[in-house]
Protein backbone atom coordinates (compact mmCIF):
# COMPACT_ATOMS: atom_id res chain seq x y z
CA MET A 1 -21.49 -12.79 -44.69
CA ARG A 2 -21.92 -10.19 -41.94
CA MET A 3 -20.84 -12.74 -39.33
CA MET A 4 -18.00 -13.86 -41.52
CA ALA A 5 -16.64 -10.33 -41.80
CA LEU A 6 -16.29 -10.17 -38.02
CA ARG A 7 -14.14 -13.29 -37.87
CA SER A 8 -10.39 -13.04 -37.64
CA TRP A 9 -8.09 -14.52 -40.23
CA ARG A 10 -6.62 -17.71 -38.74
CA SER A 11 -3.62 -19.12 -40.52
CA SER A 12 -3.43 -22.88 -40.18
CA PRO A 13 -0.04 -24.64 -40.25
CA ALA A 14 -0.83 -25.81 -43.80
CA THR A 15 -1.46 -22.23 -44.91
CA VAL A 16 1.78 -20.99 -43.35
CA ILE A 17 3.79 -23.80 -44.94
CA ALA A 18 2.15 -23.21 -48.31
CA GLY A 19 2.93 -19.49 -48.09
CA CYS A 20 6.59 -20.24 -47.38
CA VAL A 21 6.70 -22.59 -50.38
CA VAL A 22 5.20 -19.86 -52.61
CA ILE A 23 7.79 -17.30 -51.48
CA LEU A 24 10.61 -19.85 -51.85
CA GLY A 25 9.50 -20.66 -55.38
CA PHE A 26 9.51 -17.01 -56.43
CA ALA A 27 12.86 -16.39 -54.74
CA LEU A 28 14.49 -19.34 -56.54
CA THR A 29 13.43 -18.08 -59.96
CA VAL A 30 16.65 -16.04 -59.94
CA VAL A 31 18.42 -19.41 -60.18
CA ASP A 32 16.03 -21.20 -62.53
CA TRP A 33 12.50 -20.26 -63.59
CA ARG A 34 11.45 -23.90 -63.28
CA PHE A 35 11.42 -23.37 -59.52
CA LEU A 36 8.21 -21.42 -60.11
CA SER A 37 6.49 -24.81 -59.96
CA LEU A 38 7.01 -24.64 -56.17
CA SER A 39 4.87 -21.51 -56.09
CA ALA A 40 2.18 -23.35 -58.04
CA ILE A 41 2.25 -26.20 -55.52
CA GLY A 42 2.06 -23.79 -52.58
CA THR A 43 -0.76 -21.79 -54.14
CA PHE A 44 -3.06 -24.55 -55.37
CA GLY A 45 -1.86 -27.61 -53.46
CA PRO A 46 -3.72 -26.95 -50.18
CA GLY A 47 -6.99 -26.31 -52.00
CA ILE A 48 -6.67 -29.55 -53.97
CA LEU A 49 -5.94 -31.49 -50.78
CA ARG A 50 -8.97 -29.92 -49.07
CA GLU A 51 -11.27 -30.86 -51.93
CA LEU A 52 -9.95 -34.42 -51.82
CA GLY A 53 -10.73 -34.54 -48.11
CA ILE A 54 -7.10 -35.12 -47.14
CA LEU A 55 -6.60 -31.73 -45.51
CA ARG A 56 -9.29 -30.56 -43.07
CA ASP A 57 -8.07 -27.33 -41.51
CA LYS A 58 -11.03 -25.03 -42.31
CA ASP A 59 -14.43 -24.73 -40.70
CA GLU A 60 -17.72 -24.11 -42.51
CA TYR A 61 -17.37 -20.32 -42.61
CA GLU A 62 -13.83 -20.49 -43.97
CA ARG A 63 -14.83 -22.99 -46.65
CA LEU A 64 -17.76 -20.79 -47.68
CA ALA A 65 -15.45 -17.78 -47.95
CA SER A 66 -13.01 -19.79 -50.06
CA TYR A 67 -15.75 -21.01 -52.40
CA ARG A 68 -17.15 -17.50 -52.80
CA ALA A 69 -13.69 -16.07 -53.50
CA ALA A 70 -12.98 -18.81 -56.03
CA TYR A 71 -16.26 -18.08 -57.81
CA HIS A 72 -15.45 -14.38 -57.97
CA ALA A 73 -12.02 -15.20 -59.41
CA TYR A 74 -13.69 -17.44 -61.98
CA LEU A 75 -16.11 -14.70 -63.05
CA VAL A 76 -13.54 -11.91 -63.32
CA THR A 77 -10.80 -13.95 -64.98
CA GLY A 78 -13.20 -15.65 -67.36
CA LEU A 79 -14.79 -12.37 -68.42
CA LEU A 80 -11.44 -10.66 -69.03
CA ALA A 81 -10.12 -13.70 -70.88
CA PHE A 82 -13.02 -13.56 -73.33
CA LEU A 83 -12.69 -9.78 -73.72
CA SER A 84 -8.98 -10.21 -74.51
CA ILE A 85 -9.58 -12.60 -77.40
CA GLY A 86 -10.63 -9.75 -79.71
CA PRO A 87 -7.50 -7.58 -79.25
CA LEU A 88 -5.27 -10.65 -79.49
CA ARG A 89 -6.92 -11.72 -82.74
CA ALA A 90 -6.60 -8.19 -84.06
CA HIS A 91 -2.82 -8.46 -83.64
CA GLU A 92 -2.51 -12.03 -84.89
CA THR A 93 -0.23 -10.94 -87.74
CA ALA A 94 2.36 -9.87 -85.17
CA ARG A 95 4.17 -12.28 -82.92
CA ILE A 96 2.69 -12.22 -79.42
CA ASP A 97 4.74 -13.57 -76.53
CA PRO A 98 2.48 -15.98 -74.59
CA GLU A 99 4.30 -15.47 -71.27
CA PRO A 100 2.82 -12.01 -70.46
CA VAL A 101 -0.64 -13.30 -71.37
CA ILE A 102 -0.37 -16.29 -69.01
CA SER A 103 1.20 -14.19 -66.24
CA THR A 104 -1.53 -11.57 -66.52
CA PHE A 105 -4.40 -13.99 -66.07
CA LEU A 106 -2.66 -15.78 -63.21
CA ILE A 107 -2.24 -12.43 -61.45
CA ILE A 108 -5.89 -11.50 -62.10
CA LEU A 109 -7.00 -14.87 -60.75
CA TRP A 110 -4.88 -14.54 -57.62
CA PHE A 111 -5.73 -10.89 -56.96
CA THR A 112 -9.49 -11.41 -57.28
CA TRP A 113 -9.41 -14.44 -55.01
CA LEU A 114 -7.30 -12.61 -52.40
CA LEU A 115 -9.50 -9.51 -52.44
CA SER A 116 -12.73 -11.48 -52.05
CA SER A 117 -11.25 -13.62 -49.25
CA LEU A 118 -10.07 -10.60 -47.27
CA ILE A 119 -13.42 -8.83 -47.59
CA ALA A 120 -15.16 -11.94 -46.28
CA PHE A 121 -12.93 -12.22 -43.21
CA TRP A 122 -12.02 -8.63 -42.39
CA GLY A 123 -14.79 -6.51 -43.84
CA PRO A 124 -14.33 -3.72 -46.43
CA ARG A 125 -12.63 -1.09 -44.26
CA ARG A 126 -10.01 -3.33 -42.64
CA MET A 127 -9.44 -5.04 -45.97
CA ALA A 128 -8.83 -1.72 -47.72
CA THR A 129 -6.35 -0.42 -45.16
CA ARG A 130 -4.37 -3.66 -44.99
CA ILE A 131 -4.36 -4.07 -48.76
CA LEU A 132 -3.02 -0.53 -49.11
CA ILE A 133 -0.26 -1.12 -46.56
CA SER A 134 0.71 -4.48 -48.08
CA PHE A 135 0.77 -3.38 -51.69
CA GLY A 136 2.46 -0.09 -50.79
CA ALA A 137 5.25 -1.99 -49.04
CA VAL A 138 5.61 -4.41 -51.96
CA TRP A 139 5.80 -1.62 -54.53
CA LEU A 140 8.32 0.29 -52.40
CA LEU A 141 10.54 -2.77 -52.02
CA PHE A 142 10.20 -3.64 -55.71
CA ASN A 143 11.24 -0.15 -56.84
CA ILE A 144 14.13 0.02 -54.38
CA LEU A 145 15.57 -3.31 -55.48
CA GLY A 146 15.00 -2.55 -59.15
CA ASN A 147 16.63 0.90 -59.13
CA LEU A 148 19.52 0.60 -56.68
CA PRO A 149 22.18 1.73 -59.21
CA ILE A 150 20.07 4.70 -60.39
CA SER A 151 19.43 7.16 -57.58
CA VAL A 152 17.03 9.46 -59.48
CA ALA A 153 14.86 6.57 -60.67
CA LEU A 154 15.00 5.08 -57.17
CA ILE A 155 13.57 8.23 -55.61
CA MET A 156 10.99 8.98 -58.31
CA GLN A 157 9.60 5.46 -58.67
CA SER A 158 9.59 4.86 -54.92
CA LEU A 159 7.17 7.79 -54.66
CA LEU A 160 4.60 5.53 -56.35
CA ALA A 161 4.13 3.89 -52.95
CA ALA A 162 3.14 7.22 -51.35
CA PRO A 163 -0.59 7.08 -52.29
CA PHE A 164 -0.90 3.68 -50.63
CA PHE A 165 0.45 4.82 -47.26
CA ALA A 166 -1.23 8.25 -47.27
CA MET A 167 -4.65 6.78 -48.04
CA THR A 168 -4.23 4.16 -45.31
CA TYR A 169 -4.31 6.89 -42.66
CA LEU A 170 -7.19 8.78 -44.28
CA ALA A 171 -9.23 5.59 -44.74
CA ARG A 172 -9.46 5.15 -40.98
CA LYS A 173 -10.70 8.70 -40.43
CA ARG A 174 -12.72 9.54 -43.54
CA PRO A 175 -13.45 6.33 -45.47
CA ARG A 176 -15.69 7.90 -48.10
CA VAL A 177 -13.26 10.74 -48.80
CA ALA A 178 -10.40 8.25 -48.99
CA GLY A 179 -12.45 6.06 -51.32
CA ILE A 180 -13.20 8.92 -53.71
CA LEU A 181 -9.55 10.00 -53.72
CA LEU A 182 -8.42 6.43 -54.40
CA LEU A 183 -10.74 6.21 -57.39
CA GLY A 184 -9.34 9.54 -58.57
CA PHE A 185 -5.77 8.27 -58.16
CA SER A 186 -6.69 5.19 -60.16
CA VAL A 187 -7.98 7.21 -63.10
CA PHE A 188 -5.02 9.62 -62.93
CA PHE A 189 -2.36 6.90 -62.95
CA PHE A 190 -4.26 4.99 -65.63
CA TYR A 191 -3.76 7.91 -68.01
CA PHE A 192 -0.46 9.20 -66.61
CA PHE A 193 1.30 5.91 -67.36
CA ASN A 194 -0.45 5.57 -70.75
CA LEU A 195 -2.22 2.43 -69.58
CA TYR A 196 -5.28 3.44 -71.62
CA LYS A 197 -3.39 2.11 -74.65
CA VAL A 198 -4.56 -1.37 -73.67
CA PHE A 199 -7.71 -0.46 -75.63
CA THR A 200 -5.90 0.56 -78.81
CA GLU A 201 -2.73 -1.57 -78.83
CA ASN A 202 -1.68 -5.04 -77.78
CA PRO A 203 -2.99 -5.08 -74.17
CA PHE A 204 -0.15 -7.33 -73.00
CA GLU A 205 2.66 -5.25 -74.47
CA ARG A 206 5.17 -3.78 -71.99
CA GLY A 207 3.37 -5.43 -69.08
CA ARG A 208 0.55 -2.87 -69.12
CA THR A 209 -2.12 -5.28 -67.91
CA ILE A 210 0.09 -6.51 -65.05
CA VAL A 211 0.67 -2.92 -63.91
CA ILE A 212 -3.08 -2.27 -64.08
CA VAL A 213 -3.84 -5.27 -61.88
CA LEU A 214 -1.05 -4.86 -59.33
CA PHE A 215 -0.90 -1.06 -59.10
CA ILE A 216 -4.24 0.37 -60.28
CA GLY A 217 -6.18 -2.67 -59.03
CA PRO A 218 -5.51 -2.23 -55.28
CA LEU A 219 -6.21 1.51 -55.46
CA PHE A 220 -9.48 1.08 -57.38
CA ALA A 221 -10.73 -1.92 -55.37
CA SER A 222 -9.88 -0.29 -52.03
CA GLY A 223 -11.65 2.89 -53.11
CA LEU A 224 -14.84 1.05 -54.02
CA ALA A 225 -14.71 -0.99 -50.80
CA LEU A 226 -14.32 2.13 -48.62
CA ILE A 227 -17.18 3.99 -50.34
CA ARG A 228 -19.53 0.99 -50.09
CA ALA A 229 -18.57 0.36 -46.47
CA ASP A 230 -19.21 3.98 -45.47
CA ILE A 231 -22.58 4.04 -47.26
CA SER A 232 -23.62 0.77 -45.60
CA GLU A 233 -22.62 2.01 -42.12
CA THR A 234 -24.47 5.29 -42.69
CA GLU A 235 -27.66 3.48 -43.74
CA GLU A 236 -27.48 1.20 -40.70
């Protein structure tokens, strides 16, 4: 794994094409949500072709990283799926929309796989900084596009991207300090946005679990990665 972390991420033509298909599928959902099937093909198609032996664009280290990431995604998603059965059963008298449930577990699956893959190839510190930049840019773009007609909401919600970019700089200079602050931000936003209600109410109501994964998740995971990386480097 140590050797793997020193390797650079090499995007094969198949990976680039698949990524374009994923983006195209999401973009076309504004026309018809059935175009989301393109994103499914782009996300899982290359892996299926590799397992069938049709596509051979990864070496041994890359395949090992993919298998490890897939196993991590299996563990995390499976555990959370089982833990969600109780709250869902507790609200079985109320109508529960299945779409947020499905979307949540797909996002958890994807996020866990992505995080594990990036740690394997880039190492914890580079992974944390790039994850923070990427997710900060995505959240900024999302809030700008979603609040164009409302200037106050545009400004206030765009500030949610600030912790991502600020911590990116600090992570390069003081990784442990940045890691502790990121964990603190995670806890603060978890309570500030009332996300703790996932334990007392329907966890999938109002997209709470999706916000936890896509907003709290990168902050918390990057914080842990930076703290562990700094401790490991200090011990060495």
